[in-house]
Each structure stands twice: as C-alpha cells, then as structure tokens.
Amino acid sequence: MVRSGDIGDLRVIRSSFTFRLTRLDNVRLDPDLGGGALMDVGCYCVNVSRTMAGTEPVAGHAVAR
C-alpha cells in the first residue's frame, strides 16, 4: 500500500523498539564496546523503514533513555 501510493505519499516513518535492561552487567551497557543498545537493536527500526519505503532514508534521528 505504501509503495503503490494507495495511502498517499510517504513523508515520515516513526518507529520505536524498546526492551528492559534489568541487569547492570548486561553487555549493552558496557561503554567500552562503543555502541551499546543502539548499535545492537537500533538497526531494526532503520531496516523496517527502508523496507517499507523501498529506498534509503534521507535523514534520521535517534534517542536513547
């Protein structure tokens, strides 16, 4: 539906991937690994957006809390 234009022009894709980290020794919280959770699971939102749009993103924005 997106690619055919049935729902209009695609202008914005907003996505969220969340999970709980309950252990402080989780590898995703290790600053020495230089990426943590964003490098680990952040790609899923980007990849689903690329698939839906059928093209590469023009801009991106990420937030971690």
Protein backbone atom coordinates (compact mmCIF):
# COMPACT_ATOMS: atom_id res chain seq x y z
CA MET A 1 0.00 0.00 0.00
CA VAL A 2 2.87 2.36 0.74
CA ARG A 3 4.76 1.70 -2.48
CA SER A 4 1.64 1.82 -4.66
CA GLY A 5 0.65 5.20 -3.19
CA ASP A 6 -2.73 3.89 -2.00
CA ILE A 7 -2.31 5.70 1.30
CA GLY A 8 -0.69 8.82 -0.16
CA ASP A 9 2.90 9.99 -0.25
CA LEU A 10 5.19 8.60 2.43
CA ARG A 11 6.64 11.55 4.30
CA VAL A 12 7.57 10.29 7.76
CA ILE A 13 8.17 6.93 9.39
CA ARG A 14 8.29 6.94 13.17
CA SER A 15 9.22 3.70 14.90
CA SER A 16 10.22 2.53 18.33
CA PHE A 17 11.97 -0.59 19.60
CA THR A 18 12.08 -0.98 23.35
CA PHE A 19 13.20 -3.56 25.85
CA ARG A 20 14.03 -3.62 29.53
CA LEU A 21 17.55 -3.96 30.86
CA THR A 22 17.29 -5.26 34.40
CA ARG A 23 20.90 -6.35 34.96
CA LEU A 24 23.62 -3.73 35.24
CA ASP A 25 26.19 -6.23 33.91
CA ASN A 26 24.34 -6.52 30.58
CA VAL A 27 26.75 -6.23 27.64
CA ARG A 28 24.59 -3.46 26.12
CA LEU A 29 25.54 -1.16 28.99
CA ASP A 30 29.31 -1.58 28.55
CA PRO A 31 30.72 1.77 27.29
CA ASP A 32 33.96 0.05 26.22
CA LEU A 33 32.05 -1.70 23.42
CA GLY A 34 31.27 1.66 21.78
CA GLY A 35 27.69 1.28 20.74
CA GLY A 36 25.66 -0.49 23.33
CA ALA A 37 21.94 -0.95 22.80
CA LEU A 38 21.70 1.47 19.86
CA MET A 39 24.26 -0.49 17.83
CA ASP A 40 22.68 -3.77 18.93
CA VAL A 41 18.98 -3.22 18.26
CA GLY A 42 18.80 0.27 16.73
CA CYS A 43 19.16 -1.23 13.26
CA TYR A 44 15.70 -2.83 13.39
CA CYS A 45 13.82 0.47 13.15
CA VAL A 46 16.06 1.63 10.30
CA ASN A 47 15.72 -1.63 8.38
CA VAL A 48 11.92 -1.84 8.63
CA SER A 49 11.73 1.78 7.47
CA ARG A 50 13.96 1.02 4.47
CA THR A 51 11.81 -1.98 3.60
CA MET A 52 8.54 -0.06 3.84
CA ALA A 53 9.82 2.92 1.85
CA GLY A 54 11.71 0.87 -0.72
CA THR A 55 14.55 3.40 -0.57
CA GLU A 56 17.26 4.75 1.69
CA PRO A 57 16.42 7.31 4.38
CA VAL A 58 17.09 10.99 3.73
CA ALA A 59 17.50 11.83 7.44
CA GLY A 60 17.39 10.04 10.76
CA HIS A 61 17.10 10.84 14.45
CA ALA A 62 17.66 8.56 17.43
CA VAL A 63 17.06 8.90 21.16
CA ALA A 64 18.17 6.60 23.94
CA ARG A 65 16.98 6.76 27.54
